[in-house]
Amino acid sequence: MISTKTLQDVLISVAKDTQINLSAELERYMSPSHKFSRSYTKRKKLILRSQDEFLTISCFRKRILIPLVIIITIITCAMSVPAIREPVITFIVNVYNDMTDYIIRSDNEESVVIINDFTLEYIPENFTRQNTQVTSNLKTEVYKDNAGNGFSFTLEYYKEGINFSMDTENADITKTKIRGLSTIISEKNTGINIAVFDNKRHQIWNLTGNIDCDIALKIVENVKIK
């Protein structure tokens, strides 16, 4: 019987046999001799993941801490030079004074026996006294009119210092003198605040209220301190 296979058929058959043999050899020699359990594989992944996270955090801290140390070192060296330190301190003080209260503070808690007294020689028309408060070192009188306007005048004595403050935020501040004494005037939409500092007698005159500045100044200028 004469075979009908051509040379092409023979080559295809040999190629298929060769492919099968190679596949068998790959499976036999490439398969690992030992397979780890699932728990081992899972544990290994967790360890690798935690190591990566630690390295990321450590790297992040270095990126933050190193520049911070450099900045602090530069600032420290710069502040040791008087030509740099003095303008910086002046700038900080000016910003603080502009954005905060005008404050006199003291931790002195010693009892004061001096009694203050005053008389308002000028009282605006239609204003009547509503209340008076007197302590060992303070006297306050409160006045109001029928329209709801009002003001208070306080005379306070201090030996070394007192907890006194003026609200200067968003206010027009004027420094002047009244009867030769240093005076701070704070004007806002909500009212007027005038503080007069008598350092020789250790007293502060303080007027606050929702009245015109000219009227407030006239009250303070004509007060009689006893």
C-alpha atoms as a PDB file:
ATOM      1  CA  MET A   1       0.000   0.000   0.000  1.00  0.00           C
ATOM      2  CA  ILE A   2       1.401   3.333  -1.003  1.00  0.00           C
ATOM      3  CA  SER A   3       1.458   6.040   1.739  1.00  0.00           C
ATOM      4  CA  THR A   4      -0.183   9.333   0.861  1.00  0.00           C
ATOM      5  CA  LYS A   5       1.673  11.382   3.576  1.00  0.00           C
ATOM      6  CA  THR A   6       3.626  14.225   2.234  1.00  0.00           C
ATOM      7  CA  LEU A   7       6.792  15.730   3.654  1.00  0.00           C
ATOM      8  CA  GLN A   8       4.749  18.514   5.195  1.00  0.00           C
ATOM      9  CA  ASP A   9       2.616  16.021   7.134  1.00  0.00           C
ATOM     10  CA  VAL A  10       5.734  14.316   8.473  1.00  0.00           C
ATOM     11  CA  LEU A  11       7.231  17.569   9.676  1.00  0.00           C
ATOM     12  CA  ILE A  12       3.984  18.575  11.424  1.00  0.00           C
ATOM     13  CA  SER A  13       3.809  15.213  13.181  1.00  0.00           C
ATOM     14  CA  VAL A  14       7.409  15.503  14.402  1.00  0.00           C
ATOM     15  CA  ALA A  15       6.758  19.016  15.631  1.00  0.00           C
ATOM     16  CA  LYS A  16       3.745  17.915  17.669  1.00  0.00           C
ATOM     17  CA  ASP A  17       5.710  15.079  19.293  1.00  0.00           C
ATOM     18  CA  THR A  18       8.546  17.466  20.133  1.00  0.00           C
ATOM     19  CA  GLN A  19       6.115  19.978  21.706  1.00  0.00           C
ATOM     20  CA  ILE A  20       4.580  17.268  23.910  1.00  0.00           C
ATOM     21  CA  ASN A  21       7.999  16.076  25.093  1.00  0.00           C
ATOM     22  CA  LEU A  22       9.194  19.604  25.883  1.00  0.00           C
ATOM     23  CA  SER A  23       6.021  20.359  27.857  1.00  0.00           C
ATOM     24  CA  ALA A  24       6.495  17.237  29.939  1.00  0.00           C
ATOM     25  CA  GLU A  25      10.105  18.108  30.702  1.00  0.00           C
ATOM     26  CA  LEU A  26       9.192  21.665  31.697  1.00  0.00           C
ATOM     27  CA  GLU A  27       6.554  20.457  34.125  1.00  0.00           C
ATOM     28  CA  ARG A  28       8.958  17.936  35.649  1.00  0.00           C
ATOM     29  CA  TYR A  29      12.000  20.209  36.070  1.00  0.00           C
ATOM     30  CA  MET A  30      10.423  23.608  36.650  1.00  0.00           C
ATOM     31  CA  SER A  31       7.975  22.641  39.412  1.00  0.00           C
ATOM     32  CA  PRO A  32       9.362  23.437  42.936  1.00  0.00           C
ATOM     33  CA  SER A  33      10.404  20.466  44.995  1.00  0.00           C
ATOM     34  CA  HIS A  34       8.638  21.998  48.046  1.00  0.00           C
ATOM     35  CA  LYS A  35       5.448  24.052  48.221  1.00  0.00           C
ATOM     36  CA  PHE A  36       4.892  26.318  51.228  1.00  0.00           C
ATOM     37  CA  SER A  37       1.570  26.324  53.047  1.00  0.00           C
ATOM     38  CA  ARG A  38      -0.932  29.144  52.586  1.00  0.00           C
ATOM     39  CA  SER A  39      -0.409  30.389  56.147  1.00  0.00           C
ATOM     40  CA  TYR A  40       3.326  30.728  55.504  1.00  0.00           C
ATOM     41  CA  THR A  41       2.723  32.677  52.290  1.00  0.00           C
ATOM     42  CA  LYS A  42       0.218  34.958  54.001  1.00  0.00           C
ATOM     43  CA  ARG A  43       2.579  35.624  56.913  1.00  0.00           C
ATOM     44  CA  LYS A  44       5.399  36.432  54.504  1.00  0.00           C
ATOM     45  CA  LYS A  45       3.242  38.977  52.666  1.00  0.00           C
ATOM     46  CA  LEU A  46       2.285  40.670  55.959  1.00  0.00           C
ATOM     47  CA  ILE A  47       5.920  40.937  57.018  1.00  0.00           C
ATOM     48  CA  LEU A  48       6.928  42.433  53.670  1.00  0.00           C
ATOM     49  CA  ARG A  49       4.017  44.862  53.742  1.00  0.00           C
ATOM     50  CA  SER A  50       4.801  46.054  57.276  1.00  0.00           C
ATOM     51  CA  GLN A  51       8.440  46.515  56.335  1.00  0.00           C
ATOM     52  CA  ASP A  52       7.438  48.669  53.363  1.00  0.00           C
ATOM     53  CA  GLU A  53       5.128  50.790  55.553  1.00  0.00           C
ATOM     54  CA  PHE A  54       7.886  51.281  58.137  1.00  0.00           C
ATOM     55  CA  LEU A  55      10.317  52.392  55.489  1.00  0.00           C
ATOM     56  CA  THR A  56       7.729  54.845  54.105  1.00  0.00           C
ATOM     57  CA  ILE A  57       7.054  56.400  57.538  1.00  0.00           C
ATOM     58  CA  SER A  58      10.736  56.562  58.375  1.00  0.00           C
ATOM     59  CA  CYS A  59      11.449  58.250  55.068  1.00  0.00           C
ATOM     60  CA  PHE A  60       8.594  60.739  55.680  1.00  0.00           C
ATOM     61  CA  ARG A  61       9.951  61.635  59.127  1.00  0.00           C
ATOM     62  CA  LYS A  62      13.395  62.243  57.704  1.00  0.00           C
ATOM     63  CA  ARG A  63      11.943  64.541  55.056  1.00  0.00           C
ATOM     64  CA  ILE A  64      10.207  66.597  57.771  1.00  0.00           C
ATOM     65  CA  LEU A  65      12.754  66.520  60.580  1.00  0.00           C
ATOM     66  CA  ILE A  66      15.872  67.275  58.577  1.00  0.00           C
ATOM     67  CA  PRO A  67      14.541  70.534  57.048  1.00  0.00           C
ATOM     68  CA  LEU A  68      13.050  71.498  60.427  1.00  0.00           C
ATOM     69  CA  VAL A  69      16.397  71.064  62.179  1.00  0.00           C
ATOM     70  CA  ILE A  70      18.086  73.092  59.463  1.00  0.00           C
ATOM     71  CA  ILE A  71      15.505  75.911  59.777  1.00  0.00           C
ATOM     72  CA  ILE A  72      15.784  76.007  63.589  1.00  0.00           C
ATOM     73  CA  THR A  73      19.583  76.088  63.352  1.00  0.00           C
ATOM     74  CA  ILE A  74      19.504  78.973  60.870  1.00  0.00           C
ATOM     75  CA  ILE A  75      17.028  80.953  63.004  1.00  0.00           C
ATOM     76  CA  THR A  76      19.093  80.355  66.160  1.00  0.00           C
ATOM     77  CA  CYS A  77      22.285  81.530  64.462  1.00  0.00           C
ATOM     78  CA  ALA A  78      20.513  84.553  62.977  1.00  0.00           C
ATOM     79  CA  MET A  79      18.954  85.615  66.290  1.00  0.00           C
ATOM     80  CA  SER A  80      22.394  85.565  67.924  1.00  0.00           C
ATOM     81  CA  VAL A  81      23.367  88.555  65.753  1.00  0.00           C
ATOM     82  CA  PRO A  82      22.158  91.835  67.337  1.00  0.00           C
ATOM     83  CA  ALA A  83      21.666  93.479  63.940  1.00  0.00           C
ATOM     84  CA  ILE A  84      19.085  90.825  63.081  1.00  0.00           C
ATOM     85  CA  ARG A  85      17.645  90.119  66.522  1.00  0.00           C
ATOM     86  CA  GLU A  86      16.629  93.690  67.397  1.00  0.00           C
ATOM     87  CA  PRO A  87      14.543  94.395  64.227  1.00  0.00           C
ATOM     88  CA  VAL A  88      12.821  91.004  64.552  1.00  0.00           C
ATOM     89  CA  ILE A  89      11.878  91.627  68.187  1.00  0.00           C
ATOM     90  CA  THR A  90      10.673  95.141  67.339  1.00  0.00           C
ATOM     91  CA  PHE A  91       8.498  93.788  64.521  1.00  0.00           C
ATOM     92  CA  ILE A  92       6.940  91.125  66.769  1.00  0.00           C
ATOM     93  CA  VAL A  93       6.176  93.665  69.503  1.00  0.00           C
ATOM     94  CA  ASN A  94       4.560  96.068  67.019  1.00  0.00           C
ATOM     95  CA  VAL A  95       2.391  93.313  65.538  1.00  0.00           C
ATOM     96  CA  TYR A  96       1.334  92.213  69.026  1.00  0.00           C
ATOM     97  CA  ASN A  97       0.414  95.763  70.016  1.00  0.00           C
ATOM     98  CA  ASP A  98      -1.606  96.313  66.847  1.00  0.00           C
ATOM     99  CA  MET A  99      -3.586  93.074  66.994  1.00  0.00           C
ATOM    100  CA  THR A 100      -4.145  92.607  70.739  1.00  0.00           C
ATOM    101  CA  ASP A 101      -5.363  94.566  73.705  1.00  0.00           C
ATOM    102  CA  TYR A 102      -3.526  97.375  75.408  1.00  0.00           C
ATOM    103  CA  ILE A 103      -2.747  95.560  78.638  1.00  0.00           C
ATOM    104  CA  ILE A 104      -1.276  96.262  82.055  1.00  0.00           C
ATOM    105  CA  ARG A 105      -0.883  93.097  84.073  1.00  0.00           C
ATOM    106  CA  SER A 106       0.497  92.208  87.472  1.00  0.00           C
ATOM    107  CA  ASP A 107       0.400  89.231  89.774  1.00  0.00           C
ATOM    108  CA  ASN A 108       0.315  91.484  92.824  1.00  0.00           C
ATOM    109  CA  GLU A 109      -2.514  90.393  95.121  1.00  0.00           C
ATOM    110  CA  GLU A 110      -1.604  92.549  98.117  1.00  0.00           C
ATOM    111  CA  SER A 111      -4.680  94.197  99.625  1.00  0.00           C
ATOM    112  CA  VAL A 112      -5.011  97.920  99.026  1.00  0.00           C
ATOM    113  CA  VAL A 113      -6.480 100.234 101.652  1.00  0.00           C
ATOM    114  CA  ILE A 114      -6.460 103.466  99.668  1.00  0.00           C
ATOM    115  CA  ILE A 115      -9.971 104.628  98.786  1.00  0.00           C
ATOM    116  CA  ASN A 116     -10.477 106.408  95.487  1.00  0.00           C
ATOM    117  CA  ASP A 117     -13.075 109.038  94.942  1.00  0.00           C
ATOM    118  CA  PHE A 118     -14.054 111.369  92.129  1.00  0.00           C
ATOM    119  CA  THR A 119     -16.777 113.735  91.041  1.00  0.00           C
ATOM    120  CA  LEU A 120     -17.908 114.210  87.462  1.00  0.00           C
ATOM    121  CA  GLU A 121     -18.051 117.977  87.061  1.00  0.00           C
ATOM    122  CA  TYR A 122     -19.601 117.598  83.601  1.00  0.00           C
ATOM    123  CA  ILE A 123     -22.503 115.234  82.917  1.00  0.00           C
ATOM    124  CA  PRO A 124     -24.155 115.287  79.456  1.00  0.00           C
ATOM    125  CA  GLU A 125     -27.722 116.509  79.240  1.00  0.00           C
ATOM    126  CA  ASN A 126     -30.466 113.919  79.922  1.00  0.00           C
ATOM    127  CA  PHE A 127     -27.959 111.497  81.506  1.00  0.00           C
ATOM    128  CA  THR A 128     -28.617 110.342  85.056  1.00  0.00           C
ATOM    129  CA  ARG A 129     -26.615 108.137  87.375  1.00  0.00           C
ATOM    130  CA  GLN A 130     -27.952 104.581  87.443  1.00  0.00           C
ATOM    131  CA  ASN A 131     -25.433 102.737  89.603  1.00  0.00           C
ATOM    132  CA  THR A 132     -22.348 103.237  91.757  1.00  0.00           C
ATOM    133  CA  GLN A 133     -19.822 100.608  92.728  1.00  0.00           C
ATOM    134  CA  VAL A 134     -17.155 101.198  95.369  1.00  0.00           C
ATOM    135  CA  THR A 135     -14.419  98.850  96.594  1.00  0.00           C
ATOM    136  CA  SER A 136     -11.152  99.368  98.459  1.00  0.00           C
ATOM    137  CA  ASN A 137      -9.301 100.337  95.284  1.00  0.00           C
ATOM    138  CA  LEU A 138     -12.026 101.061  92.732  1.00  0.00           C
ATOM    139  CA  LYS A 139     -14.997 103.332  92.138  1.00  0.00           C
ATOM    140  CA  THR A 140     -17.369 103.169  89.152  1.00  0.00           C
ATOM    141  CA  GLU A 141     -20.373 105.281  88.240  1.00  0.00           C
ATOM    142  CA  VAL A 142     -22.793 104.304  85.463  1.00  0.00           C
ATOM    143  CA  TYR A 143     -24.930 106.854  83.593  1.00  0.00           C
ATOM    144  CA  LYS A 144     -27.730 106.406  81.018  1.00  0.00           C
ATOM    145  CA  ASP A 145     -30.260 108.498  79.130  1.00  0.00           C
ATOM    146  CA  ASN A 146     -33.796 107.743  77.901  1.00  0.00           C
ATOM    147  CA  ALA A 147     -32.533 106.835  74.403  1.00  0.00           C
ATOM    148  CA  GLY A 148     -30.529 103.889  75.688  1.00  0.00           C
ATOM    149  CA  ASN A 149     -27.131 105.565  75.448  1.00  0.00           C
ATOM    150  CA  GLY A 150     -24.805 105.168  78.374  1.00  0.00           C
ATOM    151  CA  PHE A 151     -21.299 105.406  79.744  1.00  0.00           C
ATOM    152  CA  SER A 152     -19.357 104.428  82.835  1.00  0.00           C
ATOM    153  CA  PHE A 153     -16.427 106.136  84.520  1.00  0.00           C
ATOM    154  CA  THR A 154     -14.021 104.144  86.672  1.00  0.00           C
ATOM    155  CA  LEU A 155     -11.177 105.301  88.881  1.00  0.00           C
ATOM    156  CA  GLU A 156      -8.879 102.490  89.932  1.00  0.00           C
ATOM    157  CA  TYR A 157      -5.821 102.492  92.160  1.00  0.00           C
ATOM    158  CA  TYR A 158      -2.908 100.089  91.721  1.00  0.00           C
ATOM    159  CA  LYS A 159       0.222  99.666  93.786  1.00  0.00           C
ATOM    160  CA  GLU A 160       2.418  97.777  91.305  1.00  0.00           C
ATOM    161  CA  GLY A 161       0.036  96.786  88.527  1.00  0.00           C
ATOM    162  CA  ILE A 162      -3.513  95.742  87.745  1.00  0.00           C
ATOM    163  CA  ASN A 163      -5.338  93.519  85.288  1.00  0.00           C
ATOM    164  CA  PHE A 164      -6.410  96.276  82.927  1.00  0.00           C
ATOM    165  CA  SER A 165      -6.997  95.969  79.188  1.00  0.00           C
ATOM    166  CA  MET A 166      -8.409  97.940  76.278  1.00  0.00           C
ATOM    167  CA  ASP A 167      -9.953  96.392  73.197  1.00  0.00           C
ATOM    168  CA  THR A 168      -7.958  97.822  70.283  1.00  0.00           C
ATOM    169  CA  GLU A 169      -8.860  95.320  67.556  1.00  0.00           C
ATOM    170  CA  ASN A 170     -10.311  97.060  64.480  1.00  0.00           C
ATOM    171  CA  ALA A 171     -10.289 100.344  66.401  1.00  0.00           C
ATOM    172  CA  ASP A 172      -8.912 103.814  65.728  1.00  0.00           C
ATOM    173  CA  ILE A 173      -6.240 104.394  68.377  1.00  0.00           C
ATOM    174  CA  THR A 174      -5.108 107.828  69.468  1.00  0.00           C
ATOM    175  CA  LYS A 175      -2.320 108.528  71.959  1.00  0.00           C
ATOM    176  CA  THR A 176      -2.542 111.942  73.547  1.00  0.00           C
ATOM    177  CA  LYS A 177      -2.427 113.708  76.922  1.00  0.00           C
ATOM    178  CA  ILE A 178      -5.226 114.891  79.177  1.00  0.00           C
ATOM    179  CA  ARG A 179      -4.230 117.283  81.936  1.00  0.00           C
ATOM    180  CA  GLY A 180      -0.613 116.293  81.320  1.00  0.00           C
ATOM    181  CA  LEU A 181      -1.256 112.536  81.720  1.00  0.00           C
ATOM    182  CA  SER A 182      -0.692 109.843  79.098  1.00  0.00           C
ATOM    183  CA  THR A 183      -4.002 108.918  77.471  1.00  0.00           C
ATOM    184  CA  ILE A 184      -5.142 106.185  75.092  1.00  0.00           C
ATOM    185  CA  ILE A 185      -8.357 106.676  73.078  1.00  0.00           C
ATOM    186  CA  SER A 186      -9.909 103.675  71.332  1.00  0.00           C
ATOM    187  CA  GLU A 187     -12.795 104.411  68.943  1.00  0.00           C
ATOM    188  CA  LYS A 188     -14.941 101.672  67.380  1.00  0.00           C
ATOM    189  CA  ASN A 189     -18.399 101.429  65.887  1.00  0.00           C
ATOM    190  CA  THR A 190     -19.572  99.944  69.166  1.00  0.00           C
ATOM    191  CA  GLY A 191     -18.374 102.840  71.309  1.00  0.00           C
ATOM    192  CA  ILE A 192     -15.568 104.812  72.889  1.00  0.00           C
ATOM    193  CA  ASN A 193     -12.926 103.811  75.426  1.00  0.00           C
ATOM    194  CA  ILE A 194     -10.614 106.339  77.088  1.00  0.00           C
ATOM    195  CA  ALA A 195      -7.869 105.427  79.552  1.00  0.00           C
ATOM    196  CA  VAL A 196      -5.797 108.006  81.412  1.00  0.00           C
ATOM    197  CA  PHE A 197      -2.685 106.811  83.282  1.00  0.00           C
ATOM    198  CA  ASP A 198      -1.613 108.717  86.393  1.00  0.00           C
ATOM    199  CA  ASN A 199       1.620 106.911  87.191  1.00  0.00           C
ATOM    200  CA  LYS A 200       2.584 109.200  90.061  1.00  0.00           C
ATOM    201  CA  ARG A 201      -0.631 108.523  91.981  1.00  0.00           C
ATOM    202  CA  HIS A 202      -0.893 104.924  90.677  1.00  0.00           C
ATOM    203  CA  GLN A 203      -4.351 105.516  89.265  1.00  0.00           C
ATOM    204  CA  ILE A 204      -6.179 104.843  85.989  1.00  0.00           C
ATOM    205  CA  TRP A 205      -9.202 106.782  84.803  1.00  0.00           C
ATOM    206  CA  ASN A 206     -11.292 104.754  82.408  1.00  0.00           C
ATOM    207  CA  LEU A 207     -14.406 105.872  80.527  1.00  0.00           C
ATOM    208  CA  THR A 208     -16.336 103.489  78.287  1.00  0.00           C
ATOM    209  CA  GLY A 209     -19.657 103.988  76.541  1.00  0.00           C
ATOM    210  CA  ASN A 210     -21.624 104.494  73.341  1.00  0.00           C
ATOM    211  CA  ILE A 211     -21.416 108.274  73.301  1.00  0.00           C
ATOM    212  CA  ASP A 212     -19.666 110.758  71.026  1.00  0.00           C
ATOM    213  CA  CYS A 213     -15.921 111.076  71.438  1.00  0.00           C
ATOM    214  CA  ASP A 214     -16.123 114.852  72.024  1.00  0.00           C
ATOM    215  CA  ILE A 215     -18.613 114.362  74.866  1.00  0.00           C
ATOM    216  CA  ALA A 216     -16.493 111.581  76.371  1.00  0.00           C
ATOM    217  CA  LEU A 217     -13.380 113.745  76.282  1.00  0.00           C
ATOM    218  CA  LYS A 218     -15.241 116.608  77.941  1.00  0.00           C
ATOM    219  CA  ILE A 219     -16.337 114.301  80.769  1.00  0.00           C
ATOM    220  CA  VAL A 220     -12.781 113.053  81.367  1.00  0.00           C
ATOM    221  CA  GLU A 221     -11.200 116.501  81.097  1.00  0.00           C
ATOM    222  CA  ASN A 222     -13.546 117.917  83.762  1.00  0.00           C
ATOM    223  CA  VAL A 223     -13.511 115.048  86.276  1.00  0.00           C
ATOM    224  CA  LYS A 224     -12.442 115.990  89.780  1.00  0.00           C
ATOM    225  CA  ILE A 225     -10.155 113.419  91.395  1.00  0.00           C
ATOM    226  CA  LYS A 226     -10.181 113.577  95.195  1.00  0.00           C
END
